[in-house]
Amino acid sequence: MMRLPIATGLLALTLATGAFAQTPAPAAKPAAAPAAPASSAKLSSASLVGDILDNPKAKAVLVKHIPEIGKDDQIEQARGMALRDLQQYAPDTLTDEMLKKIDADLAALPSN
C-alpha cells in the first residue's frame, strides 16, 4: 500500500468526497428521536471528524497530535467520516498508536 503524507492523503480524500457529493442522496428517513449533541457524548477516533472539530477541546487534542490538521482546510471535507476512517488516506500519520493516544486524550476530556 502506498503511503502518502497527510496533505496528499487529504487531497485524495477531498477528491473522493467530491465524487460522492455529486451523487444524489436517497430520501432520509425520519429520526425516531433526536441525537444527543456531540458535546455531551464521549468522543473517540470512531467519532465523526465534524463532531471532533466542532468541540474546541477535542479539536485541540487533534491539533496536539497532528498539527498539520489545524493548518489544512481540506479536513473540512472529511467532516462526515470517522477519524479512524481517515487512516487509509494517511497511514504514516494516523497510525494505530497515534489513534490510541488521541483516544486516550479524548476520553480524558470532561463530558458537558
PDB file of N, CA and C in Angstrom:
ATOM      1  N   MET A   1       0.833  -1.166   0.000  1.00  0.00           N
ATOM      2  CA  MET A   1       0.000   0.000   0.000  1.00  0.00           C
ATOM      3  C   MET A   1       0.885   1.239   0.000  1.00  0.00           C
ATOM      4  N   MET A   2       0.602   2.177  -0.882  1.00  0.00           N
ATOM      5  CA  MET A   2       1.379   3.406  -0.976  1.00  0.00           C
ATOM      6  C   MET A   2       1.037   4.330   0.189  1.00  0.00           C
ATOM      7  N   ARG A   3       2.026   4.874   0.837  1.00  0.00           N
ATOM      8  CA  ARG A   3       1.810   5.748   1.983  1.00  0.00           C
ATOM      9  C   ARG A   3       2.011   7.184   1.530  1.00  0.00           C
ATOM     10  N   LEU A   4       1.072   8.040   1.871  1.00  0.00           N
ATOM     11  CA  LEU A   4       1.100   9.427   1.444  1.00  0.00           C
ATOM     12  C   LEU A   4       1.221  10.348   2.650  1.00  0.00           C
ATOM     13  N   PRO A   5       1.866  11.513   2.466  1.00  0.00           N
ATOM     14  CA  PRO A   5       1.832  12.492   3.554  1.00  0.00           C
ATOM     15  C   PRO A   5       0.396  12.938   3.768  1.00  0.00           C
ATOM     16  N   ILE A   6       0.090  13.435   4.957  1.00  0.00           N
ATOM     17  CA  ILE A   6      -1.305  13.749   5.282  1.00  0.00           C
ATOM     18  C   ILE A   6      -1.898  14.758   4.319  1.00  0.00           C
ATOM     19  N   ALA A   7      -1.150  15.761   3.882  1.00  0.00           N
ATOM     20  CA  ALA A   7      -1.711  16.753   2.957  1.00  0.00           C
ATOM     21  C   ALA A   7      -2.112  16.094   1.647  1.00  0.00           C
ATOM     22  N   THR A   8      -1.283  15.184   1.129  1.00  0.00           N
ATOM     23  CA  THR A   8      -1.619  14.477  -0.095  1.00  0.00           C
ATOM     24  C   THR A   8      -2.793  13.546   0.140  1.00  0.00           C
ATOM     25  N   GLY A   9      -2.798  12.875   1.277  1.00  0.00           N
ATOM     26  CA  GLY A   9      -3.905  11.991   1.614  1.00  0.00           C
ATOM     27  C   GLY A   9      -5.203  12.762   1.754  1.00  0.00           C
ATOM     28  N   LEU A  10      -5.137  13.948   2.345  1.00  0.00           N
ATOM     29  CA  LEU A  10      -6.343  14.755   2.482  1.00  0.00           C
ATOM     30  C   LEU A  10      -6.811  15.273   1.138  1.00  0.00           C
ATOM     31  N   LEU A  11      -5.883  15.543   0.218  1.00  0.00           N
ATOM     32  CA  LEU A  11      -6.279  15.937  -1.130  1.00  0.00           C
ATOM     33  C   LEU A  11      -7.019  14.790  -1.800  1.00  0.00           C
ATOM     34  N   ALA A  12      -6.521  13.577  -1.651  1.00  0.00           N
ATOM     35  CA  ALA A  12      -7.215  12.410  -2.208  1.00  0.00           C
ATOM     36  C   ALA A  12      -8.588  12.263  -1.573  1.00  0.00           C
ATOM     37  N   LEU A  13      -8.663  12.512  -0.284  1.00  0.00           N
ATOM     38  CA  LEU A  13      -9.945  12.447   0.406  1.00  0.00           C
ATOM     39  C   LEU A  13     -10.898  13.500  -0.139  1.00  0.00           C
ATOM     40  N   THR A  14     -10.405  14.703  -0.385  1.00  0.00           N
ATOM     41  CA  THR A  14     -11.229  15.772  -0.937  1.00  0.00           C
ATOM     42  C   THR A  14     -11.788  15.362  -2.289  1.00  0.00           C
ATOM     43  N   LEU A  15     -10.940  14.793  -3.118  1.00  0.00           N
ATOM     44  CA  LEU A  15     -11.395  14.353  -4.434  1.00  0.00           C
ATOM     45  C   LEU A  15     -12.427  13.248  -4.305  1.00  0.00           C
ATOM     46  N   ALA A  16     -12.213  12.334  -3.371  1.00  0.00           N
ATOM     47  CA  ALA A  16     -13.152  11.233  -3.182  1.00  0.00           C
ATOM     48  C   ALA A  16     -14.484  11.732  -2.652  1.00  0.00           C
ATOM     49  N   THR A  17     -14.457  12.640  -1.695  1.00  0.00           N
ATOM     50  CA  THR A  17     -15.712  13.140  -1.147  1.00  0.00           C
ATOM     51  C   THR A  17     -16.426  14.027  -2.145  1.00  0.00           C
ATOM     52  N   GLY A  18     -15.684  14.686  -3.027  1.00  0.00           N
ATOM     53  CA  GLY A  18     -16.310  15.483  -4.081  1.00  0.00           C
ATOM     54  C   GLY A  18     -17.099  14.603  -5.029  1.00  0.00           C
ATOM     55  N   ALA A  19     -16.600  13.409  -5.299  1.00  0.00           N
ATOM     56  CA  ALA A  19     -17.323  12.484  -6.168  1.00  0.00           C
ATOM     57  C   ALA A  19     -18.623  12.037  -5.515  1.00  0.00           C
ATOM     58  N   PHE A  20     -18.592  11.831  -4.204  1.00  0.00           N
ATOM     59  CA  PHE A  20     -19.801  11.433  -3.500  1.00  0.00           C
ATOM     60  C   PHE A  20     -20.808  12.574  -3.470  1.00  0.00           C
ATOM     61  N   ALA A  21     -20.315  13.803  -3.411  1.00  0.00           N
ATOM     62  CA  ALA A  21     -21.208  14.954  -3.325  1.00  0.00           C
ATOM     63  C   ALA A  21     -22.044  15.102  -4.586  1.00  0.00           C
ATOM     64  N   GLN A  22     -21.573  14.568  -5.723  1.00  0.00           N
ATOM     65  CA  GLN A  22     -22.305  14.678  -6.971  1.00  0.00           C
ATOM     66  C   GLN A  22     -23.393  13.624  -7.097  1.00  0.00           C
ATOM     67  N   THR A  23     -23.366  12.608  -6.263  1.00  0.00           N
ATOM     68  CA  THR A  23     -24.360  11.548  -6.292  1.00  0.00           C
ATOM     69  C   THR A  23     -25.563  11.965  -5.468  1.00  0.00           C
ATOM     70  N   PRO A  24     -26.783  11.904  -6.059  1.00  0.00           N
ATOM     71  CA  PRO A  24     -27.948  12.305  -5.262  1.00  0.00           C
ATOM     72  C   PRO A  24     -28.125  11.391  -4.055  1.00  0.00           C
ATOM     73  N   ALA A  25     -28.449  11.993  -2.948  1.00  0.00           N
ATOM     74  CA  ALA A  25     -28.640  11.232  -1.712  1.00  0.00           C
ATOM     75  C   ALA A  25     -30.041  10.641  -1.689  1.00  0.00           C
ATOM     76  N   PRO A  26     -30.198   9.422  -1.146  1.00  0.00           N
ATOM     77  CA  PRO A  26     -31.538   8.853  -1.017  1.00  0.00           C
ATOM     78  C   PRO A  26     -32.342   9.663  -0.005  1.00  0.00           C
ATOM     79  N   ALA A  27     -33.640   9.560  -0.117  1.00  0.00           N
ATOM     80  CA  ALA A  27     -34.514  10.279   0.809  1.00  0.00           C
ATOM     81  C   ALA A  27     -34.225   9.822   2.235  1.00  0.00           C
ATOM     82  N   ALA A  28     -34.117  10.770   3.119  1.00  0.00           N
ATOM     83  CA  ALA A  28     -33.812  10.456   4.514  1.00  0.00           C
ATOM     84  C   ALA A  28     -35.068   9.971   5.228  1.00  0.00           C
ATOM     85  N   LYS A  29     -34.880   8.994   6.096  1.00  0.00           N
ATOM     86  CA  LYS A  29     -35.977   8.505   6.922  1.00  0.00           C
ATOM     87  C   LYS A  29     -36.080   9.399   8.147  1.00  0.00           C
ATOM     88  N   PRO A  30     -37.273   9.656   8.618  1.00  0.00           N
ATOM     89  CA  PRO A  30     -37.388  10.487   9.816  1.00  0.00           C
ATOM     90  C   PRO A  30     -36.757   9.780  11.017  1.00  0.00           C
ATOM     91  N   ALA A  31     -36.087  10.566  11.836  1.00  0.00           N
ATOM     92  CA  ALA A  31     -35.426  10.009  13.016  1.00  0.00           C
ATOM     93  C   ALA A  31     -36.457   9.751  14.111  1.00  0.00           C
ATOM     94  N   ALA A  32     -36.265   8.674  14.843  1.00  0.00           N
ATOM     95  CA  ALA A  32     -37.179   8.320  15.925  1.00  0.00           C
ATOM     96  C   ALA A  32     -37.024   9.284  17.095  1.00  0.00           C
ATOM     97  N   ALA A  33     -35.789   9.647  17.387  1.00  0.00           N
ATOM     98  CA  ALA A  33     -35.526  10.572  18.483  1.00  0.00           C
ATOM     99  C   ALA A  33     -34.320  11.415  18.106  1.00  0.00           C
ATOM    100  N   PRO A  34     -34.274  12.644  18.537  1.00  0.00           N
ATOM    101  CA  PRO A  34     -33.112  13.460  18.209  1.00  0.00           C
ATOM    102  C   PRO A  34     -31.849  12.893  18.843  1.00  0.00           C
ATOM    103  N   ALA A  35     -30.769  13.000  18.115  1.00  0.00           N
ATOM    104  CA  ALA A  35     -29.487  12.508  18.620  1.00  0.00           C
ATOM    105  C   ALA A  35     -28.964  13.458  19.681  1.00  0.00           C
ATOM    106  N   ALA A  36     -28.215  12.913  20.603  1.00  0.00           N
ATOM    107  CA  ALA A  36     -27.602  13.740  21.639  1.00  0.00           C
ATOM    108  C   ALA A  36     -26.539  14.614  20.989  1.00  0.00           C
ATOM    109  N   PRO A  37     -26.388  15.835  21.432  1.00  0.00           N
ATOM    110  CA  PRO A  37     -25.347  16.681  20.865  1.00  0.00           C
ATOM    111  C   PRO A  37     -23.977  16.061  21.069  1.00  0.00           C
ATOM    112  N   ALA A  38     -23.101  16.276  20.098  1.00  0.00           N
ATOM    113  CA  ALA A  38     -21.766  15.684  20.169  1.00  0.00           C
ATOM    114  C   ALA A  38     -21.013  16.145  21.409  1.00  0.00           C
ATOM    115  N   SER A  39     -21.282  17.355  21.879  1.00  0.00           N
ATOM    116  CA  SER A  39     -20.534  17.867  23.019  1.00  0.00           C
ATOM    117  C   SER A  39     -20.820  17.093  24.306  1.00  0.00           C
ATOM    118  N   SER A  40     -21.972  16.416  24.375  1.00  0.00           N
ATOM    119  CA  SER A  40     -22.285  15.679  25.597  1.00  0.00           C
ATOM    120  C   SER A  40     -21.848  14.221  25.521  1.00  0.00           C
ATOM    121  N   ALA A  41     -21.486  13.754  24.355  1.00  0.00           N
ATOM    122  CA  ALA A  41     -21.062  12.373  24.179  1.00  0.00           C
ATOM    123  C   ALA A  41     -19.539  12.293  24.234  1.00  0.00           C
ATOM    124  N   LYS A  42     -19.042  11.162  24.674  1.00  0.00           N
ATOM    125  CA  LYS A  42     -17.595  10.950  24.650  1.00  0.00           C
ATOM    126  C   LYS A  42     -17.155  10.802  23.203  1.00  0.00           C
ATOM    127  N   LEU A  43     -16.128  11.516  22.850  1.00  0.00           N
ATOM    128  CA  LEU A  43     -15.591  11.458  21.502  1.00  0.00           C
ATOM    129  C   LEU A  43     -14.422  10.486  21.466  1.00  0.00           C
ATOM    130  N   SER A  44     -14.190   9.906  20.286  1.00  0.00           N
ATOM    131  CA  SER A  44     -13.085   8.971  20.095  1.00  0.00           C
ATOM    132  C   SER A  44     -12.697   8.987  18.626  1.00  0.00           C
ATOM    133  N   SER A  45     -11.747   8.154  18.266  1.00  0.00           N
ATOM    134  CA  SER A  45     -11.351   8.064  16.865  1.00  0.00           C
ATOM    135  C   SER A  45     -12.460   7.472  16.006  1.00  0.00           C
ATOM    136  N   ALA A  46     -13.475   6.899  16.633  1.00  0.00           N
ATOM    137  CA  ALA A  46     -14.632   6.390  15.899  1.00  0.00           C
ATOM    138  C   ALA A  46     -15.672   7.486  15.660  1.00  0.00           C
ATOM    139  N   SER A  47     -15.471   8.655  16.262  1.00  0.00           N
ATOM    140  CA  SER A  47     -16.391   9.779  16.103  1.00  0.00           C
ATOM    141  C   SER A  47     -16.182  10.447  14.747  1.00  0.00           C
ATOM    142  N   LEU A  48     -17.210  11.141  14.304  1.00  0.00           N
ATOM    143  CA  LEU A  48     -17.098  11.901  13.064  1.00  0.00           C
ATOM    144  C   LEU A  48     -16.111  13.046  13.244  1.00  0.00           C
ATOM    145  N   VAL A  49     -15.340  13.285  12.218  1.00  0.00           N
ATOM    146  CA  VAL A  49     -14.376  14.381  12.243  1.00  0.00           C
ATOM    147  C   VAL A  49     -15.090  15.696  12.543  1.00  0.00           C
ATOM    148  N   GLY A  50     -16.268  15.901  11.963  1.00  0.00           N
ATOM    149  CA  GLY A  50     -17.026  17.123  12.200  1.00  0.00           C
ATOM    150  C   GLY A  50     -17.372  17.311  13.666  1.00  0.00           C
ATOM    151  N   ASP A  51     -17.745  16.240  14.350  1.00  0.00           N
ATOM    152  CA  ASP A  51     -18.070  16.323  15.772  1.00  0.00           C
ATOM    153  C   ASP A  51     -16.831  16.688  16.591  1.00  0.00           C
ATOM    154  N   ILE A  52     -15.702  16.161  16.205  1.00  0.00           N
ATOM    155  CA  ILE A  52     -14.454  16.472  16.910  1.00  0.00           C
ATOM    156  C   ILE A  52     -14.062  17.928  16.655  1.00  0.00           C
ATOM    157  N   LEU A  53     -14.154  18.362  15.396  1.00  0.00           N
ATOM    158  CA  LEU A  53     -13.783  19.732  15.062  1.00  0.00           C
ATOM    159  C   LEU A  53     -14.710  20.757  15.706  1.00  0.00           C
ATOM    160  N   ASP A  54     -15.961  20.393  15.910  1.00  0.00           N
ATOM    161  CA  ASP A  54     -16.933  21.319  16.494  1.00  0.00           C
ATOM    162  C   ASP A  54     -16.768  21.482  18.006  1.00  0.00           C
ATOM    163  N   ASN A  55     -15.992  20.620  18.621  1.00  0.00           N
ATOM    164  CA  ASN A  55     -15.731  20.702  20.056  1.00  0.00           C
ATOM    165  C   ASN A  55     -14.319  21.273  20.223  1.00  0.00           C
ATOM    166  N   PRO A  56     -14.195  22.514  20.707  1.00  0.00           N
ATOM    167  CA  PRO A  56     -12.870  23.150  20.787  1.00  0.00           C
ATOM    168  C   PRO A  56     -11.824  22.330  21.549  1.00  0.00           C
ATOM    169  N   LYS A  57     -12.221  21.687  22.639  1.00  0.00           N
ATOM    170  CA  LYS A  57     -11.244  20.895  23.403  1.00  0.00           C
ATOM    171  C   LYS A  57     -10.822  19.650  22.632  1.00  0.00           C
ATOM    172  N   ALA A  58     -11.763  19.023  21.947  1.00  0.00           N
ATOM    173  CA  ALA A  58     -11.441  17.838  21.153  1.00  0.00           C
ATOM    174  C   ALA A  58     -10.586  18.220  19.944  1.00  0.00           C
ATOM    175  N   LYS A  59     -10.904  19.352  19.334  1.00  0.00           N
ATOM    176  CA  LYS A  59     -10.097  19.817  18.204  1.00  0.00           C
ATOM    177  C   LYS A  59      -8.669  20.078  18.666  1.00  0.00           C
ATOM    178  N   ALA A  60      -8.507  20.634  19.865  1.00  0.00           N
ATOM    179  CA  ALA A  60      -7.172  20.881  20.404  1.00  0.00           C
ATOM    180  C   ALA A  60      -6.393  19.583  20.573  1.00  0.00           C
ATOM    181  N   VAL A  61      -7.087  18.502  20.918  1.00  0.00           N
ATOM    182  CA  VAL A  61      -6.435  17.188  21.019  1.00  0.00           C
ATOM    183  C   VAL A  61      -5.890  16.776  19.650  1.00  0.00           C
ATOM    184  N   LEU A  62      -6.708  16.943  18.611  1.00  0.00           N
ATOM    185  CA  LEU A  62      -6.251  16.587  17.262  1.00  0.00           C
ATOM    186  C   LEU A  62      -5.034  17.402  16.868  1.00  0.00           C
ATOM    187  N   VAL A  63      -5.110  18.710  17.089  1.00  0.00           N
ATOM    188  CA  VAL A  63      -4.003  19.592  16.702  1.00  0.00           C
ATOM    189  C   VAL A  63      -2.749  19.267  17.497  1.00  0.00           C
ATOM    190  N   LYS A  64      -2.919  18.873  18.749  1.00  0.00           N
ATOM    191  CA  LYS A  64      -1.777  18.482  19.585  1.00  0.00           C
ATOM    192  C   LYS A  64      -1.037  17.303  18.957  1.00  0.00           C
ATOM    193  N   HIS A  65      -1.784  16.313  18.515  1.00  0.00           N
ATOM    194  CA  HIS A  65      -1.166  15.095  17.987  1.00  0.00           C
ATOM    195  C   HIS A  65      -0.836  15.193  16.498  1.00  0.00           C
ATOM    196  N   ILE A  66      -1.643  15.952  15.771  1.00  0.00           N
ATOM    197  CA  ILE A  66      -1.457  16.061  14.317  1.00  0.00           C
ATOM    198  C   ILE A  66      -1.552  17.542  13.951  1.00  0.00           C
ATOM    199  N   PRO A  67      -0.495  18.309  14.191  1.00  0.00           N
ATOM    200  CA  PRO A  67      -0.541  19.757  13.975  1.00  0.00           C
ATOM    201  C   PRO A  67      -0.970  20.167  12.567  1.00  0.00           C
ATOM    202  N   GLU A  68      -0.636  19.370  11.575  1.00  0.00           N
ATOM    203  CA  GLU A  68      -0.989  19.741  10.205  1.00  0.00           C
ATOM    204  C   GLU A  68      -2.501  19.765   9.962  1.00  0.00           C
ATOM    205  N   ILE A  69      -3.268  19.068  10.789  1.00  0.00           N
ATOM    206  CA  ILE A  69      -4.729  19.098  10.643  1.00  0.00           C
ATOM    207  C   ILE A  69      -5.254  20.502  10.900  1.00  0.00           C
ATOM    208  N   GLY A  70      -4.667  21.205  11.833  1.00  0.00           N
ATOM    209  CA  GLY A  70      -5.095  22.557  12.137  1.00  0.00           C
ATOM    210  C   GLY A  70      -4.776  23.549  11.044  1.00  0.00           C
ATOM    211  N   LYS A  71      -3.885  23.184  10.133  1.00  0.00           N
ATOM    212  CA  LYS A  71      -3.459  24.080   9.056  1.00  0.00           C
ATOM    213  C   LYS A  71      -4.057  23.702   7.709  1.00  0.00           C
ATOM    214  N   ASP A  72      -4.790  22.601   7.641  1.00  0.00           N
ATOM    215  CA  ASP A  72      -5.271  22.079   6.364  1.00  0.00           C
ATOM    216  C   ASP A  72      -6.781  22.249   6.248  1.00  0.00           C
ATOM    217  N   ASP A  73      -7.204  23.162   5.358  1.00  0.00           N
ATOM    218  CA  ASP A  73      -8.628  23.407   5.163  1.00  0.00           C
ATOM    219  C   ASP A  73      -9.349  22.190   4.579  1.00  0.00           C
ATOM    220  N   GLN A  74      -8.608  21.280   3.965  1.00  0.00           N
ATOM    221  CA  GLN A  74      -9.227  20.108   3.351  1.00  0.00           C
ATOM    222  C   GLN A  74      -9.847  19.175   4.380  1.00  0.00           C
ATOM    223  N   ILE A  75      -9.457  19.294   5.625  1.00  0.00           N
ATOM    224  CA  ILE A  75     -10.028  18.420   6.654  1.00  0.00           C
ATOM    225  C   ILE A  75     -11.526  18.644   6.761  1.00  0.00           C
ATOM    226  N   GLU A  76     -11.998  19.822   6.400  1.00  0.00           N
ATOM    227  CA  GLU A  76     -13.434  20.114   6.425  1.00  0.00           C
ATOM    228  C   GLU A  76     -14.197  19.173   5.491  1.00  0.00           C
ATOM    229  N   GLN A  77     -13.549  18.687   4.456  1.00  0.00           N
ATOM    230  CA  GLN A  77     -14.178  17.755   3.522  1.00  0.00           C
ATOM    231  C   GLN A  77     -14.441  16.397   4.162  1.00  0.00           C
ATOM    232  N   ALA A  78     -13.784  16.135   5.276  1.00  0.00           N
ATOM    233  CA  ALA A  78     -13.896  14.829   5.937  1.00  0.00           C
ATOM    234  C   ALA A  78     -14.850  14.869   7.127  1.00  0.00           C
ATOM    235  N   ARG A  79     -15.613  15.924   7.302  1.00  0.00           N
ATOM    236  CA  ARG A  79     -16.481  16.078   8.474  1.00  0.00           C
ATOM    237  C   ARG A  79     -17.435  14.903   8.669  1.00  0.00           C
ATOM    238  N   GLY A  80     -17.874  14.280   7.614  1.00  0.00           N
ATOM    239  CA  GLY A  80     -18.833  13.185   7.708  1.00  0.00           C
ATOM    240  C   GLY A  80     -18.204  11.813   7.862  1.00  0.00           C
ATOM    241  N   MET A  81     -16.887  11.761   7.989  1.00  0.00           N
ATOM    242  CA  MET A  81     -16.188  10.484   8.148  1.00  0.00           C
ATOM    243  C   MET A  81     -15.668  10.353   9.573  1.00  0.00           C
ATOM    244  N   ALA A  82     -15.533   9.124  10.020  1.00  0.00           N
ATOM    245  CA  ALA A  82     -14.903   8.879  11.317  1.00  0.00           C
ATOM    246  C   ALA A  82     -13.409   9.153  11.195  1.00  0.00           C
ATOM    247  N   LEU A  83     -12.813   9.693  12.251  1.00  0.00           N
ATOM    248  CA  LEU A  83     -11.375   9.965  12.241  1.00  0.00           C
ATOM    249  C   LEU A  83     -10.608   8.709  11.878  1.00  0.00           C
ATOM    250  N   ARG A  84     -10.999   7.577  12.446  1.00  0.00           N
ATOM    251  CA  ARG A  84     -10.305   6.313  12.184  1.00  0.00           C
ATOM    252  C   ARG A  84     -10.337   5.964  10.690  1.00  0.00           C
ATOM    253  N   ASP A  85     -11.403   6.344   9.998  1.00  0.00           N
ATOM    254  CA  ASP A  85     -11.506   6.044   8.569  1.00  0.00           C
ATOM    255  C   ASP A  85     -10.501   6.832   7.731  1.00  0.00           C
ATOM    256  N   LEU A  86     -10.011   7.942   8.260  1.00  0.00           N
ATOM    257  CA  LEU A  86      -9.007   8.731   7.538  1.00  0.00           C
ATOM    258  C   LEU A  86      -7.647   8.048   7.523  1.00  0.00           C
ATOM    259  N   GLN A  87      -7.486   7.044   8.358  1.00  0.00           N
ATOM    260  CA  GLN A  87      -6.208   6.336   8.437  1.00  0.00           C
ATOM    261  C   GLN A  87      -5.799   5.772   7.078  1.00  0.00           C
ATOM    262  N   GLN A  88      -6.751   5.347   6.288  1.00  0.00           N
ATOM    263  CA  GLN A  88      -6.421   4.777   4.978  1.00  0.00           C
ATOM    264  C   GLN A  88      -5.809   5.809   4.035  1.00  0.00           C
ATOM    265  N   TYR A  89      -6.064   7.096   4.262  1.00  0.00           N
ATOM    266  CA  TYR A  89      -5.531   8.151   3.406  1.00  0.00           C
ATOM    267  C   TYR A  89      -4.188   8.672   3.898  1.00  0.00           C
ATOM    268  N   ALA A  90      -3.887   8.490   5.158  1.00  0.00           N
ATOM    269  CA  ALA A  90      -2.627   8.971   5.730  1.00  0.00           C
ATOM    270  C   ALA A  90      -2.122   7.975   6.768  1.00  0.00           C
ATOM    271  N   PRO A  91      -1.811   6.735   6.343  1.00  0.00           N
ATOM    272  CA  PRO A  91      -1.438   5.696   7.317  1.00  0.00           C
ATOM    273  C   PRO A  91      -0.137   5.977   8.068  1.00  0.00           C
ATOM    274  N   ASP A  92       0.774   6.775   7.481  1.00  0.00           N
ATOM    275  CA  ASP A  92       2.014   7.086   8.194  1.00  0.00           C
ATOM    276  C   ASP A  92       1.781   8.092   9.309  1.00  0.00           C
ATOM    277  N   THR A  93       0.782   8.936   9.162  1.00  0.00           N
ATOM    278  CA  THR A  93       0.459   9.928  10.185  1.00  0.00           C
ATOM    279  C   THR A  93      -0.549   9.373  11.178  1.00  0.00           C
ATOM    280  N   LEU A  94      -1.622   8.811  10.680  1.00  0.00           N
ATOM    281  CA  LEU A  94      -2.680   8.278  11.541  1.00  0.00           C
ATOM    282  C   LEU A  94      -2.433   6.796  11.811  1.00  0.00           C
ATOM    283  N   THR A  95      -1.364   6.537  12.529  1.00  0.00           N
ATOM    284  CA  THR A  95      -1.024   5.159  12.878  1.00  0.00           C
ATOM    285  C   THR A  95      -1.959   4.672  13.981  1.00  0.00           C
ATOM    286  N   ASP A  96      -1.969   3.363  14.197  1.00  0.00           N
ATOM    287  CA  ASP A  96      -2.768   2.804  15.292  1.00  0.00           C
ATOM    288  C   ASP A  96      -2.334   3.408  16.626  1.00  0.00           C
ATOM    289  N   GLU A  97      -1.035   3.576  16.804  1.00  0.00           N
ATOM    290  CA  GLU A  97      -0.510   4.154  18.045  1.00  0.00           C
ATOM    291  C   GLU A  97      -0.986   5.594  18.220  1.00  0.00           C
ATOM    292  N   MET A  98      -0.956   6.366  17.142  1.00  0.00           N
ATOM    293  CA  MET A  98      -1.413   7.756  17.205  1.00  0.00           C
ATOM    294  C   MET A  98      -2.901   7.813  17.563  1.00  0.00           C
ATOM    295  N   LEU A  99      -3.698   6.948  16.946  1.00  0.00           N
ATOM    296  CA  LEU A  99      -5.131   6.931  17.238  1.00  0.00           C
ATOM    297  C   LEU A  99      -5.395   6.526  18.694  1.00  0.00           C
ATOM    298  N   LYS A 100      -4.570   5.632  19.242  1.00  0.00           N
ATOM    299  CA  LYS A 100      -4.710   5.256  20.658  1.00  0.00           C
ATOM    300  C   LYS A 100      -4.436   6.454  21.560  1.00  0.00           C
ATOM    301  N   LYS A 101      -3.412   7.236  21.227  1.00  0.00           N
ATOM    302  CA  LYS A 101      -3.093   8.426  22.015  1.00  0.00           C
ATOM    303  C   LYS A 101      -4.226   9.452  21.928  1.00  0.00           C
ATOM    304  N   ILE A 102      -4.750   9.633  20.731  1.00  0.00           N
ATOM    305  CA  ILE A 102      -5.864  10.563  20.542  1.00  0.00           C
ATOM    306  C   ILE A 102      -7.070  10.082  21.345  1.00  0.00           C
ATOM    307  N   ASP A 103      -7.364   8.766  21.261  1.00  0.00           N
ATOM    308  CA  ASP A 103      -8.478   8.216  22.026  1.00  0.00           C
ATOM    309  C   ASP A 103      -8.305   8.452  23.525  1.00  0.00           C
ATOM    310  N   ALA A 104      -7.093   8.254  24.029  1.00  0.00           N
ATOM    311  CA  ALA A 104      -6.848   8.445  25.460  1.00  0.00           C
ATOM    312  C   ALA A 104      -7.078   9.900  25.861  1.00  0.00           C
ATOM    313  N   ASP A 105      -6.600  10.823  25.053  1.00  0.00           N
ATOM    314  CA  ASP A 105      -6.780  12.238  25.371  1.00  0.00           C
ATOM    315  C   ASP A 105      -8.243  12.663  25.234  1.00  0.00           C
ATOM    316  N   LEU A 106      -8.936  12.131  24.241  1.00  0.00           N
ATOM    317  CA  LEU A 106     -10.346  12.462  24.082  1.00  0.00           C
ATOM    318  C   LEU A 106     -11.170  11.891  25.250  1.00  0.00           C
ATOM    319  N   ALA A 107     -10.815  10.699  25.683  1.00  0.00           N
ATOM    320  CA  ALA A 107     -11.533  10.072  26.808  1.00  0.00           C
ATOM    321  C   ALA A 107     -11.319  10.858  28.102  1.00  0.00           C
ATOM    322  N   ALA A 108     -10.197  11.546  28.215  1.00  0.00           N
ATOM    323  CA  ALA A 108      -9.908  12.315  29.423  1.00  0.00           C
ATOM    324  C   ALA A 108     -10.640  13.664  29.454  1.00  0.00           C
ATOM    325  N   LEU A 109     -11.220  14.056  28.345  1.00  0.00           N
ATOM    326  CA  LEU A 109     -11.956  15.332  28.326  1.00  0.00           C
ATOM    327  C   LEU A 109     -13.221  15.202  29.162  1.00  0.00           C
ATOM    328  N   PRO A 110     -13.581  16.250  29.880  1.00  0.00           N
ATOM    329  CA  PRO A 110     -14.823  16.196  30.660  1.00  0.00           C
ATOM    330  C   PRO A 110     -16.041  16.191  29.744  1.00  0.00           C
ATOM    331  N   SER A 111     -17.082  15.477  30.156  1.00  0.00           N
ATOM    332  CA  SER A 111     -18.346  15.498  29.415  1.00  0.00           C
ATOM    333  C   SER A 111     -19.068  16.788  29.765  1.00  0.00           C
ATOM    334  N   ASN A 112     -19.735  17.335  28.771  1.00  0.00           N
ATOM    335  CA  ASN A 112     -20.505  18.572  29.021  1.00  0.00           C
ATOM    336  C   ASN A 112     -21.898  18.275  29.444  1.00  0.00           C
TER     337      ASN A 112
END
